[in-house]
């Protein structure tokens, strides 16, 4: 009676077992990294420090500080621009940190995770 498919001995070959262990380890590392990123804060200033914005790793605005001297009722547009610049820069920092963390985890895999497909 012929065996159908599979590997001799019925178990996974050593390479497949190691690959599964690596994938599980990488998944745990990614989860830990994601938790760290979500609790991190990124702060940026605009207008020489007149406006400071802080965002979380979840990319949510958590704080904004405006120097009272930056509030000019005659030039609200300038204040709006400074707020946007500070928030956008803080969000950019959060995104860059996230990208760096993920590339550290996946950097050694190359292409599509070293998979043959």
PDB file of N, CA and C in Angstrom:
ATOM      1  N   UNK A   1       0.838  -1.169   0.000  1.00  0.00           N
ATOM      2  CA  UNK A   1       0.000   0.000   0.000  1.00  0.00           C
ATOM      3  C   UNK A   1       0.891   1.243   0.000  1.00  0.00           C
ATOM      4  N   UNK A   2       0.680   2.138  -0.938  1.00  0.00           N
ATOM      5  CA  UNK A   2       1.507   3.330  -1.093  1.00  0.00           C
ATOM      6  C   UNK A   2       1.014   4.445  -0.171  1.00  0.00           C
ATOM      7  N   UNK A   3       1.967   5.179   0.368  1.00  0.00           N
ATOM      8  CA  UNK A   3       1.605   6.347   1.177  1.00  0.00           C
ATOM      9  C   UNK A   3       1.186   7.480   0.263  1.00  0.00           C
ATOM     10  N   UNK A   4       0.267   8.275   0.743  1.00  0.00           N
ATOM     11  CA  UNK A   4      -0.156   9.447  -0.032  1.00  0.00           C
ATOM     12  C   UNK A   4       0.570  10.681   0.486  1.00  0.00           C
ATOM     13  N   UNK A   5       1.312  11.315  -0.373  1.00  0.00           N
ATOM     14  CA  UNK A   5       1.970  12.588  -0.048  1.00  0.00           C
ATOM     15  C   UNK A   5       2.704  12.534   1.278  1.00  0.00           C
ATOM     16  N   UNK A   6       2.908  13.685   1.856  1.00  0.00           N
ATOM     17  CA  UNK A   6       3.548  13.767   3.159  1.00  0.00           C
ATOM     18  C   UNK A   6       5.036  13.524   3.091  1.00  0.00           C
ATOM     19  N   UNK A   7       5.638  13.455   4.245  1.00  0.00           N
ATOM     20  CA  UNK A   7       7.071  13.252   4.353  1.00  0.00           C
ATOM     21  C   UNK A   7       7.317  11.945   5.066  1.00  0.00           C
ATOM     22  N   UNK A   8       8.424  11.309   4.784  1.00  0.00           N
ATOM     23  CA  UNK A   8       8.742  10.053   5.467  1.00  0.00           C
ATOM     24  C   UNK A   8       8.687  10.251   6.975  1.00  0.00           C
ATOM     25  N   UNK A   9       8.073   9.340   7.650  1.00  0.00           N
ATOM     26  CA  UNK A   9       7.980   9.431   9.103  1.00  0.00           C
ATOM     27  C   UNK A   9       6.774  10.228   9.552  1.00  0.00           C
ATOM     28  N   UNK A  10       6.069  10.858   8.644  1.00  0.00           N
ATOM     29  CA  UNK A  10       4.833  11.568   8.972  1.00  0.00           C
ATOM     30  C   UNK A  10       5.008  12.933   9.621  1.00  0.00           C
ATOM     31  N   UNK A  11       6.235  13.369   9.955  1.00  0.00           N
ATOM     32  CA  UNK A  11       6.425  14.671  10.597  1.00  0.00           C
ATOM     33  C   UNK A  11       6.825  15.738   9.608  1.00  0.00           C
ATOM     34  N   UNK A  12       6.905  16.963  10.088  1.00  0.00           N
ATOM     35  CA  UNK A  12       7.366  18.058   9.229  1.00  0.00           C
ATOM     36  C   UNK A  12       8.860  17.920   9.013  1.00  0.00           C
ATOM     37  N   UNK A  13       9.338  18.288   7.860  1.00  0.00           N
ATOM     38  CA  UNK A  13      10.790  18.279   7.687  1.00  0.00           C
ATOM     39  C   UNK A  13      11.407  19.350   8.577  1.00  0.00           C
ATOM     40  N   UNK A  14      12.679  19.197   8.913  1.00  0.00           N
ATOM     41  CA  UNK A  14      13.353  20.135   9.810  1.00  0.00           C
ATOM     42  C   UNK A  14      13.237  21.582   9.370  1.00  0.00           C
ATOM     43  N   UNK A  15      13.396  21.848   8.071  1.00  0.00           N
ATOM     44  CA  UNK A  15      13.319  23.218   7.576  1.00  0.00           C
ATOM     45  C   UNK A  15      11.953  23.833   7.840  1.00  0.00           C
ATOM     46  N   UNK A  16      10.889  23.074   7.605  1.00  0.00           N
ATOM     47  CA  UNK A  16       9.539  23.603   7.796  1.00  0.00           C
ATOM     48  C   UNK A  16       9.286  23.888   9.273  1.00  0.00           C
ATOM     49  N   UNK A  17       9.764  23.013  10.135  1.00  0.00           N
ATOM     50  CA  UNK A  17       9.606  23.210  11.571  1.00  0.00           C
ATOM     51  C   UNK A  17      10.331  24.473  12.023  1.00  0.00           C
ATOM     52  N   UNK A  18      11.553  24.654  11.545  1.00  0.00           N
ATOM     53  CA  UNK A  18      12.316  25.855  11.894  1.00  0.00           C
ATOM     54  C   UNK A  18      11.640  27.108  11.349  1.00  0.00           C
ATOM     55  N   UNK A  19      11.113  27.023  10.146  1.00  0.00           N
ATOM     56  CA  UNK A  19      10.425  28.158   9.541  1.00  0.00           C
ATOM     57  C   UNK A  19       9.205  28.554  10.368  1.00  0.00           C
ATOM     58  N   UNK A  20       8.466  27.567  10.839  1.00  0.00           N
ATOM     59  CA  UNK A  20       7.279  27.842  11.662  1.00  0.00           C
ATOM     60  C   UNK A  20       7.685  28.504  12.978  1.00  0.00           C
ATOM     61  N   UNK A  21       8.777  28.015  13.586  1.00  0.00           N
ATOM     62  CA  UNK A  21       9.258  28.612  14.838  1.00  0.00           C
ATOM     63  C   UNK A  21       9.686  30.057  14.610  1.00  0.00           C
ATOM     64  N   UNK A  22      10.387  30.313  13.499  1.00  0.00           N
ATOM     65  CA  UNK A  22      10.819  31.679  13.179  1.00  0.00           C
ATOM     66  C   UNK A  22       9.612  32.584  12.970  1.00  0.00           C
ATOM     67  N   UNK A  23       8.597  32.086  12.282  1.00  0.00           N
ATOM     68  CA  UNK A  23       7.391  32.888  12.026  1.00  0.00           C
ATOM     69  C   UNK A  23       6.681  33.221  13.332  1.00  0.00           C
ATOM     70  N   UNK A  24       6.599  32.256  14.243  1.00  0.00           N
ATOM     71  CA  UNK A  24       5.960  32.512  15.533  1.00  0.00           C
ATOM     72  C   UNK A  24       6.765  33.516  16.347  1.00  0.00           C
ATOM     73  N   UNK A  25       8.091  33.382  16.322  1.00  0.00           N
ATOM     74  CA  UNK A  25       8.948  34.316  17.053  1.00  0.00           C
ATOM     75  C   UNK A  25       8.802  35.723  16.475  1.00  0.00           C
ATOM     76  N   UNK A  26       8.775  35.822  15.139  1.00  0.00           N
ATOM     77  CA  UNK A  26       8.627  37.130  14.511  1.00  0.00           C
ATOM     78  C   UNK A  26       7.262  37.741  14.853  1.00  0.00           C
ATOM     79  N   UNK A  27       6.224  36.925  14.899  1.00  0.00           N
ATOM     80  CA  UNK A  27       4.900  37.437  15.243  1.00  0.00           C
ATOM     81  C   UNK A  27       4.896  37.995  16.662  1.00  0.00           C
ATOM     82  N   UNK A  28       5.535  37.293  17.599  1.00  0.00           N
ATOM     83  CA  UNK A  28       5.616  37.796  18.981  1.00  0.00           C
ATOM     84  C   UNK A  28       6.391  39.112  19.023  1.00  0.00           C
ATOM     85  N   UNK A  29       7.509  39.177  18.290  1.00  0.00           N
ATOM     86  CA  UNK A  29       8.313  40.397  18.266  1.00  0.00           C
ATOM     87  C   UNK A  29       7.516  41.551  17.665  1.00  0.00           C
ATOM     88  N   UNK A  30       6.748  41.278  16.616  1.00  0.00           N
ATOM     89  CA  UNK A  30       5.940  42.323  15.990  1.00  0.00           C
ATOM     90  C   UNK A  30       4.875  42.831  16.958  1.00  0.00           C
ATOM     91  N   UNK A  31       4.249  41.926  17.701  1.00  0.00           N
ATOM     92  CA  UNK A  31       3.241  42.330  18.682  1.00  0.00           C
ATOM     93  C   UNK A  31       3.861  43.190  19.776  1.00  0.00           C
ATOM     94  N   UNK A  32       5.042  42.791  20.274  1.00  0.00           N
ATOM     95  CA  UNK A  32       5.732  43.571  21.297  1.00  0.00           C
ATOM     96  C   UNK A  32       6.130  44.938  20.760  1.00  0.00           C
ATOM     97  N   UNK A  33       6.649  44.954  19.552  1.00  0.00           N
ATOM     98  CA  UNK A  33       7.061  46.204  18.928  1.00  0.00           C
ATOM     99  C   UNK A  33       5.862  47.131  18.735  1.00  0.00           C
ATOM    100  N   UNK A  34       4.739  46.567  18.306  1.00  0.00           N
ATOM    101  CA  UNK A  34       3.532  47.368  18.106  1.00  0.00           C
ATOM    102  C   UNK A  34       3.069  47.990  19.421  1.00  0.00           C
ATOM    103  N   UNK A  35       3.125  47.229  20.516  1.00  0.00           N
ATOM    104  CA  UNK A  35       2.731  47.756  21.833  1.00  0.00           C
ATOM    105  C   UNK A  35       3.637  48.912  22.236  1.00  0.00           C
ATOM    106  N   UNK A  36       4.948  48.732  22.004  1.00  0.00           N
ATOM    107  CA  UNK A  36       5.892  49.800  22.337  1.00  0.00           C
ATOM    108  C   UNK A  36       5.613  51.049  21.517  1.00  0.00           C
ATOM    109  N   UNK A  37       5.361  50.871  20.233  1.00  0.00           N
ATOM    110  CA  UNK A  37       5.078  52.009  19.359  1.00  0.00           C
ATOM    111  C   UNK A  37       3.811  52.739  19.788  1.00  0.00           C
ATOM    112  N   UNK A  38       2.789  51.983  20.180  1.00  0.00           N
ATOM    113  CA  UNK A  38       1.523  52.600  20.560  1.00  0.00           C
ATOM    114  C   UNK A  38       1.645  53.435  21.829  1.00  0.00           C
ATOM    115  N   UNK A  39       2.570  53.076  22.719  1.00  0.00           N
ATOM    116  CA  UNK A  39       2.722  53.834  23.958  1.00  0.00           C
ATOM    117  C   UNK A  39       3.724  54.980  23.817  1.00  0.00           C
ATOM    118  N   UNK A  40       4.462  55.011  22.734  1.00  0.00           N
ATOM    119  CA  UNK A  40       5.443  56.078  22.520  1.00  0.00           C
ATOM    120  C   UNK A  40       4.739  57.388  22.166  1.00  0.00           C
ATOM    121  N   UNK A  41       5.427  58.492  22.419  1.00  0.00           N
ATOM    122  CA  UNK A  41       4.907  59.808  22.060  1.00  0.00           C
ATOM    123  C   UNK A  41       5.942  60.527  21.204  1.00  0.00           C
ATOM    124  N   UNK A  42       5.445  61.305  20.268  1.00  0.00           N
ATOM    125  CA  UNK A  42       6.300  62.049  19.346  1.00  0.00           C
ATOM    126  C   UNK A  42       5.867  63.506  19.385  1.00  0.00           C
ATOM    127  N   UNK A  43       6.830  64.384  19.626  1.00  0.00           N
ATOM    128  CA  UNK A  43       6.531  65.803  19.779  1.00  0.00           C
ATOM    129  C   UNK A  43       7.311  66.606  18.749  1.00  0.00           C
ATOM    130  N   UNK A  44       6.644  67.601  18.200  1.00  0.00           N
ATOM    131  CA  UNK A  44       7.282  68.483  17.239  1.00  0.00           C
ATOM    132  C   UNK A  44       6.811  69.905  17.501  1.00  0.00           C
ATOM    133  N   UNK A  45       7.650  70.855  17.140  1.00  0.00           N
ATOM    134  CA  UNK A  45       7.313  72.263  17.327  1.00  0.00           C
ATOM    135  C   UNK A  45       7.385  72.990  15.995  1.00  0.00           C
ATOM    136  N   UNK A  46       6.657  74.079  15.907  1.00  0.00           N
ATOM    137  CA  UNK A  46       6.675  74.936  14.718  1.00  0.00           C
ATOM    138  C   UNK A  46       6.675  76.385  15.175  1.00  0.00           C
ATOM    139  N   UNK A  47       7.046  77.257  14.262  1.00  0.00           N
ATOM    140  CA  UNK A  47       7.056  78.687  14.585  1.00  0.00           C
ATOM    141  C   UNK A  47       8.039  79.014  15.683  1.00  0.00           C
ATOM    142  N   UNK A  48       9.205  78.348  15.655  1.00  0.00           N
ATOM    143  CA  UNK A  48      10.218  78.626  16.681  1.00  0.00           C
ATOM    144  C   UNK A  48       9.771  78.198  18.072  1.00  0.00           C
ATOM    145  N   UNK A  49       8.899  77.202  18.146  1.00  0.00           N
ATOM    146  CA  UNK A  49       8.417  76.705  19.437  1.00  0.00           C
ATOM    147  C   UNK A  49       7.112  77.337  19.872  1.00  0.00           C
ATOM    148  N   UNK A  50       6.539  78.184  19.027  1.00  0.00           N
ATOM    149  CA  UNK A  50       5.271  78.838  19.382  1.00  0.00           C
ATOM    150  C   UNK A  50       4.140  77.828  19.491  1.00  0.00           C
ATOM    151  N   UNK A  51       4.228  76.759  18.699  1.00  0.00           N
ATOM    152  CA  UNK A  51       3.219  75.701  18.723  1.00  0.00           C
ATOM    153  C   UNK A  51       3.944  74.368  18.861  1.00  0.00           C
ATOM    154  N   UNK A  52       3.495  73.565  19.812  1.00  0.00           N
ATOM    155  CA  UNK A  52       4.053  72.238  20.018  1.00  0.00           C
ATOM    156  C   UNK A  52       2.920  71.225  19.972  1.00  0.00           C
ATOM    157  N   UNK A  53       3.122  70.156  19.199  1.00  0.00           N
ATOM    158  CA  UNK A  53       2.117  69.107  19.078  1.00  0.00           C
ATOM    159  C   UNK A  53       2.735  67.774  19.475  1.00  0.00           C
ATOM    160  N   UNK A  54       1.940  66.964  20.172  1.00  0.00           N
ATOM    161  CA  UNK A  54       2.365  65.628  20.569  1.00  0.00           C
ATOM    162  C   UNK A  54       1.342  64.629  20.062  1.00  0.00           C
ATOM    163  N   UNK A  55       1.845  63.564  19.418  1.00  0.00           N
ATOM    164  CA  UNK A  55       0.964  62.495  18.945  1.00  0.00           C
ATOM    165  C   UNK A  55       1.437  61.185  19.558  1.00  0.00           C
ATOM    166  N   UNK A  56       0.510  60.247  19.670  1.00  0.00           N
ATOM    167  CA  UNK A  56       0.845  58.924  20.186  1.00  0.00           C
ATOM    168  C   UNK A  56       1.291  58.035  19.034  1.00  0.00           C
ATOM    169  N   UNK A  57       1.806  56.871  19.378  1.00  0.00           N
ATOM    170  CA  UNK A  57       2.176  55.890  18.373  1.00  0.00           C
ATOM    171  C   UNK A  57       0.971  55.377  17.603  1.00  0.00           C
ATOM    172  N   UNK A  58      -0.218  55.611  18.151  1.00  0.00           N
ATOM    173  CA  UNK A  58      -1.457  55.258  17.452  1.00  0.00           C
ATOM    174  C   UNK A  58      -1.842  56.354  16.464  1.00  0.00           C
ATOM    175  N   UNK A  59      -0.976  57.347  16.376  1.00  0.00           N
ATOM    176  CA  UNK A  59      -1.159  58.492  15.469  1.00  0.00           C
ATOM    177  C   UNK A  59      -2.393  59.312  15.825  1.00  0.00           C
ATOM    178  N   UNK A  60      -2.564  59.496  17.135  1.00  0.00           N
ATOM    179  CA  UNK A  60      -3.638  60.351  17.638  1.00  0.00           C
ATOM    180  C   UNK A  60      -3.011  61.562  18.312  1.00  0.00           C
ATOM    181  N   UNK A  61      -3.569  62.724  18.072  1.00  0.00           N
ATOM    182  CA  UNK A  61      -3.091  63.943  18.707  1.00  0.00           C
ATOM    183  C   UNK A  61      -3.409  63.859  20.196  1.00  0.00           C
ATOM    184  N   UNK A  62      -2.385  63.938  21.042  1.00  0.00           N
ATOM    185  CA  UNK A  62      -2.604  63.816  22.486  1.00  0.00           C
ATOM    186  C   UNK A  62      -2.410  65.135  23.229  1.00  0.00           C
ATOM    187  N   UNK A  63      -1.670  66.060  22.635  1.00  0.00           N
ATOM    188  CA  UNK A  63      -1.461  67.350  23.298  1.00  0.00           C
ATOM    189  C   UNK A  63      -1.084  68.396  22.265  1.00  0.00           C
ATOM    190  N   UNK A  64      -1.503  69.600  22.557  1.00  0.00           N
ATOM    191  CA  UNK A  64      -1.092  70.734  21.732  1.00  0.00           C
ATOM    192  C   UNK A  64      -0.888  71.920  22.659  1.00  0.00           C
ATOM    193  N   UNK A  65       0.224  72.601  22.502  1.00  0.00           N
ATOM    194  CA  UNK A  65       0.532  73.768  23.330  1.00  0.00           C
ATOM    195  C   UNK A  65       0.770  74.949  22.401  1.00  0.00           C
ATOM    196  N   UNK A  66       0.166  76.068  22.768  1.00  0.00           N
ATOM    197  CA  UNK A  66       0.301  77.282  21.970  1.00  0.00           C
ATOM    198  C   UNK A  66       0.789  78.404  22.878  1.00  0.00           C
ATOM    199  N   UNK A  67       1.894  78.994  22.507  1.00  0.00           N
ATOM    200  CA  UNK A  67       2.422  80.130  23.241  1.00  0.00           C
ATOM    201  C   UNK A  67       1.434  81.284  23.073  1.00  0.00           C
ATOM    202  N   UNK A  68       1.008  81.887  24.158  1.00  0.00           N
ATOM    203  CA  UNK A  68       0.036  82.988  24.054  1.00  0.00           C
ATOM    204  C   UNK A  68       0.493  84.107  23.118  1.00  0.00           C
ATOM    205  N   UNK A  69       1.807  84.307  22.989  1.00  0.00           N
ATOM    206  CA  UNK A  69       2.313  85.341  22.092  1.00  0.00           C
ATOM    207  C   UNK A  69       2.049  85.000  20.626  1.00  0.00           C
ATOM    208  N   UNK A  70       1.778  83.715  20.346  1.00  0.00           N
ATOM    209  CA  UNK A  70       1.524  83.301  18.963  1.00  0.00           C
ATOM    210  C   UNK A  70       0.082  83.591  18.546  1.00  0.00           C
ATOM    211  N   UNK A  71      -0.746  83.944  19.503  1.00  0.00           N
ATOM    212  CA  UNK A  71      -2.153  84.200  19.202  1.00  0.00           C
ATOM    213  C   UNK A  71      -2.331  85.670  18.822  1.00  0.00           C
ATOM    214  N   UNK A  72      -2.490  85.888  17.535  1.00  0.00           N
ATOM    215  CA  UNK A  72      -2.709  87.229  17.002  1.00  0.00           C
ATOM    216  C   UNK A  72      -4.066  87.230  16.310  1.00  0.00           C
ATOM    217  N   UNK A  73      -5.056  87.872  16.886  1.00  0.00           N
ATOM    218  CA  UNK A  73      -6.394  87.860  16.281  1.00  0.00           C
ATOM    219  C   UNK A  73      -6.398  88.386  14.851  1.00  0.00           C
ATOM    220  N   UNK A  74      -5.389  89.160  14.495  1.00  0.00           N
ATOM    221  CA  UNK A  74      -5.298  89.700  13.144  1.00  0.00           C
ATOM    222  C   UNK A  74      -4.686  88.710  12.155  1.00  0.00           C
ATOM    223  N   UNK A  75      -4.058  87.637  12.689  1.00  0.00           N
ATOM    224  CA  UNK A  75      -3.391  86.683  11.800  1.00  0.00           C
ATOM    225  C   UNK A  75      -3.626  85.243  12.269  1.00  0.00           C
ATOM    226  N   UNK A  76      -4.880  84.848  12.302  1.00  0.00           N
ATOM    227  CA  UNK A  76      -5.264  83.498  12.716  1.00  0.00           C
ATOM    228  C   UNK A  76      -4.686  82.467  11.748  1.00  0.00           C
ATOM    229  N   UNK A  77      -4.596  82.829  10.480  1.00  0.00           N
ATOM    230  CA  UNK A  77      -4.083  81.901   9.471  1.00  0.00           C
ATOM    231  C   UNK A  77      -2.660  81.439   9.792  1.00  0.00           C
ATOM    232  N   UNK A  78      -1.827  82.330  10.289  1.00  0.00           N
ATOM    233  CA  UNK A  78      -0.455  81.975  10.656  1.00  0.00           C
ATOM    234  C   UNK A  78      -0.467  80.931  11.773  1.00  0.00           C
ATOM    235  N   UNK A  79      -1.310  81.117  12.771  1.00  0.00           N
ATOM    236  CA  UNK A  79      -1.424  80.170  13.871  1.00  0.00           C
ATOM    237  C   UNK A  79      -1.908  78.810  13.357  1.00  0.00           C
ATOM    238  N   UNK A  80      -2.886  78.811  12.480  1.00  0.00           N
ATOM    239  CA  UNK A  80      -3.390  77.563  11.889  1.00  0.00           C
ATOM    240  C   UNK A  80      -2.283  76.832  11.142  1.00  0.00           C
ATOM    241  N   UNK A  81      -1.485  77.565  10.392  1.00  0.00           N
ATOM    242  CA  UNK A  81      -0.377  76.969   9.650  1.00  0.00           C
ATOM    243  C   UNK A  81       0.654  76.343  10.594  1.00  0.00           C
ATOM    244  N   UNK A  82       0.958  77.039  11.688  1.00  0.00           N
ATOM    245  CA  UNK A  82       1.922  76.507  12.653  1.00  0.00           C
ATOM    246  C   UNK A  82       1.382  75.234  13.303  1.00  0.00           C
ATOM    247  N   UNK A  83       0.106  75.218  13.619  1.00  0.00           N
ATOM    248  CA  UNK A  83      -0.501  74.022  14.221  1.00  0.00           C
ATOM    249  C   UNK A  83      -0.419  72.851  13.251  1.00  0.00           C
ATOM    250  N   UNK A  84      -0.793  73.091  12.000  1.00  0.00           N
ATOM    251  CA  UNK A  84      -0.724  72.007  11.003  1.00  0.00           C
ATOM    252  C   UNK A  84       0.700  71.508  10.830  1.00  0.00           C
ATOM    253  N   UNK A  85       1.660  72.413  10.776  1.00  0.00           N
ATOM    254  CA  UNK A  85       3.056  72.016  10.590  1.00  0.00           C
ATOM    255  C   UNK A  85       3.542  71.167  11.761  1.00  0.00           C
ATOM    256  N   UNK A  86       3.230  71.578  12.977  1.00  0.00           N
ATOM    257  CA  UNK A  86       3.672  70.834  14.165  1.00  0.00           C
ATOM    258  C   UNK A  86       3.019  69.455  14.221  1.00  0.00           C
ATOM    259  N   UNK A  87       1.717  69.390  13.968  1.00  0.00           N
ATOM    260  CA  UNK A  87       1.007  68.102  14.001  1.00  0.00           C
ATOM    261  C   UNK A  87       1.522  67.179  12.906  1.00  0.00           C
ATOM    262  N   UNK A  88       1.664  67.698  11.692  1.00  0.00           N
ATOM    263  CA  UNK A  88       2.128  66.862  10.590  1.00  0.00           C
ATOM    264  C   UNK A  88       3.539  66.328  10.827  1.00  0.00           C
ATOM    265  N   UNK A  89       4.409  67.133  11.386  1.00  0.00           N
ATOM    266  CA  UNK A  89       5.774  66.685  11.664  1.00  0.00           C
ATOM    267  C   UNK A  89       5.771  65.608  12.759  1.00  0.00           C
ATOM    268  N   UNK A  90       4.967  65.779  13.792  1.00  0.00           N
ATOM    269  CA  UNK A  90       4.881  64.762  14.847  1.00  0.00           C
ATOM    270  C   UNK A  90       4.329  63.457  14.289  1.00  0.00           C
ATOM    271  N   UNK A  91       3.327  63.545  13.417  1.00  0.00           N
ATOM    272  CA  UNK A  91       2.777  62.339  12.778  1.00  0.00           C
ATOM    273  C   UNK A  91       3.828  61.663  11.897  1.00  0.00           C
ATOM    274  N   UNK A  92       4.615  62.463  11.214  1.00  0.00           N
ATOM    275  CA  UNK A  92       5.689  61.917  10.368  1.00  0.00           C
ATOM    276  C   UNK A  92       6.704  61.164  11.222  1.00  0.00           C
ATOM    277  N   UNK A  93       7.045  61.713  12.382  1.00  0.00           N
ATOM    278  CA  UNK A  93       7.976  61.043  13.289  1.00  0.00           C
ATOM    279  C   UNK A  93       7.414  59.699  13.743  1.00  0.00           C
ATOM    280  N   UNK A  94       6.122  59.672  14.072  1.00  0.00           N
ATOM    281  CA  UNK A  94       5.480  58.426  14.500  1.00  0.00           C
ATOM    282  C   UNK A  94       5.512  57.399  13.380  1.00  0.00           C
ATOM    283  N   UNK A  95       5.233  57.829  12.156  1.00  0.00           N
ATOM    284  CA  UNK A  95       5.231  56.918  11.010  1.00  0.00           C
ATOM    285  C   UNK A  95       6.634  56.377  10.745  1.00  0.00           C
ATOM    286  N   UNK A  96       7.645  57.244  10.824  1.00  0.00           N
ATOM    287  CA  UNK A  96       9.024  56.807  10.598  1.00  0.00           C
ATOM    288  C   UNK A  96       9.465  55.797  11.654  1.00  0.00           C
ATOM    289  N   UNK A  97       9.083  56.026  12.901  1.00  0.00           N
ATOM    290  CA  UNK A  97       9.432  55.093  13.976  1.00  0.00           C
ATOM    291  C   UNK A  97       8.777  53.739  13.728  1.00  0.00           C
ATOM    292  N   UNK A  98       7.544  53.760  13.273  1.00  0.00           N
ATOM    293  CA  UNK A  98       6.830  52.524  12.972  1.00  0.00           C
ATOM    294  C   UNK A  98       7.499  51.782  11.826  1.00  0.00           C
ATOM    295  N   UNK A  99       7.851  52.494  10.775  1.00  0.00           N
ATOM    296  CA  UNK A  99       8.511  51.873   9.623  1.00  0.00           C
ATOM    297  C   UNK A  99       9.858  51.280  10.006  1.00  0.00           C
ATOM    298  N   UNK A 100      10.621  51.998  10.821  1.00  0.00           N
ATOM    299  CA  UNK A 100      11.929  51.504  11.250  1.00  0.00           C
ATOM    300  C   UNK A 100      11.792  50.243  12.096  1.00  0.00           C
ATOM    301  N   UNK A 101      10.805  50.232  12.983  1.00  0.00           N
ATOM    302  CA  UNK A 101      10.604  49.062  13.835  1.00  0.00           C
ATOM    303  C   UNK A 101      10.230  47.845  13.003  1.00  0.00           C
ATOM    304  N   UNK A 102       9.374  48.025  12.021  1.00  0.00           N
ATOM    305  CA  UNK A 102       8.960  46.900  11.181  1.00  0.00           C
ATOM    306  C   UNK A 102      10.104  46.426  10.289  1.00  0.00           C
ATOM    307  N   UNK A 103      10.917  47.347   9.767  1.00  0.00           N
ATOM    308  CA  UNK A 103      12.011  46.908   8.900  1.00  0.00           C
ATOM    309  C   UNK A 103      13.093  46.201   9.706  1.00  0.00           C
ATOM    310  N   UNK A 104      13.231  46.521  11.000  1.00  0.00           N
ATOM    311  CA  UNK A 104      14.172  45.778  11.842  1.00  0.00           C
ATOM    312  C   UNK A 104      13.724  44.330  11.958  1.00  0.00           C
ATOM    313  N   UNK A 105      12.421  44.128  12.072  1.00  0.00           N
ATOM    314  CA  UNK A 105      11.894  42.773  12.216  1.00  0.00           C
ATOM    315  C   UNK A 105      11.918  41.995  10.915  1.00  0.00           C
ATOM    316  N   UNK A 106      11.656  42.661   9.819  1.00  0.00           N
ATOM    317  CA  UNK A 106      11.535  41.959   8.539  1.00  0.00           C
ATOM    318  C   UNK A 106      12.772  42.110   7.673  1.00  0.00           C
ATOM    319  N   UNK A 107      13.739  42.888   8.112  1.00  0.00           N
ATOM    320  CA  UNK A 107      14.922  43.177   7.305  1.00  0.00           C
ATOM    321  C   UNK A 107      15.676  41.960   6.813  1.00  0.00           C
ATOM    322  N   UNK A 108      15.797  40.933   7.634  1.00  0.00           N
ATOM    323  CA  UNK A 108      16.554  39.763   7.237  1.00  0.00           C
ATOM    324  C   UNK A 108      15.796  38.782   6.379  1.00  0.00           C
ATOM    325  N   UNK A 109      14.529  39.038   6.127  1.00  0.00           N
ATOM    326  CA  UNK A 109      13.752  38.082   5.371  1.00  0.00           C
ATOM    327  C   UNK A 109      13.887  38.256   3.869  1.00  0.00           C
ATOM    328  N   UNK A 110      14.070  39.451   3.426  1.00  0.00           N
ATOM    329  CA  UNK A 110      14.194  39.719   1.991  1.00  0.00           C
ATOM    330  C   UNK A 110      12.907  39.438   1.245  1.00  0.00           C
ATOM    331  N   UNK A 111      12.614  40.261   0.274  1.00  0.00           N
ATOM    332  CA  UNK A 111      11.463  40.047  -0.609  1.00  0.00           C
ATOM    333  C   UNK A 111      10.186  39.760   0.127  1.00  0.00           C
ATOM    334  N   UNK A 112       9.605  38.613  -0.147  1.00  0.00           N
ATOM    335  CA  UNK A 112       8.335  38.228   0.456  1.00  0.00           C
ATOM    336  C   UNK A 112       8.556  37.292   1.629  1.00  0.00           C
ATOM    337  N   UNK A 113       9.417  37.687   2.529  1.00  0.00           N
ATOM    338  CA  UNK A 113       9.612  36.881   3.712  1.00  0.00           C
ATOM    339  C   UNK A 113      10.391  35.604   3.449  1.00  0.00           C
ATOM    340  N   UNK A 114      11.130  35.553   2.364  1.00  0.00           N
ATOM    341  CA  UNK A 114      11.914  34.376   2.055  1.00  0.00           C
ATOM    342  C   UNK A 114      11.079  33.202   1.586  1.00  0.00           C
ATOM    343  N   UNK A 115       9.812  33.439   1.336  1.00  0.00           N
ATOM    344  CA  UNK A 115       8.932  32.364   0.879  1.00  0.00           C
ATOM    345  C   UNK A 115       9.122  32.153  -0.627  1.00  0.00           C
ATOM    346  N   UNK A 116       9.002  30.922  -1.075  1.00  0.00           N
ATOM    347  CA  UNK A 116       9.235  30.627  -2.484  1.00  0.00           C
ATOM    348  C   UNK A 116       8.114  31.027  -3.419  1.00  0.00           C
ATOM    349  N   UNK A 117       7.097  31.704  -2.945  1.00  0.00           N
ATOM    350  CA  UNK A 117       5.992  32.093  -3.831  1.00  0.00           C
ATOM    351  C   UNK A 117       5.917  33.582  -3.989  1.00  0.00           C
TER     352      UNK A 117
END
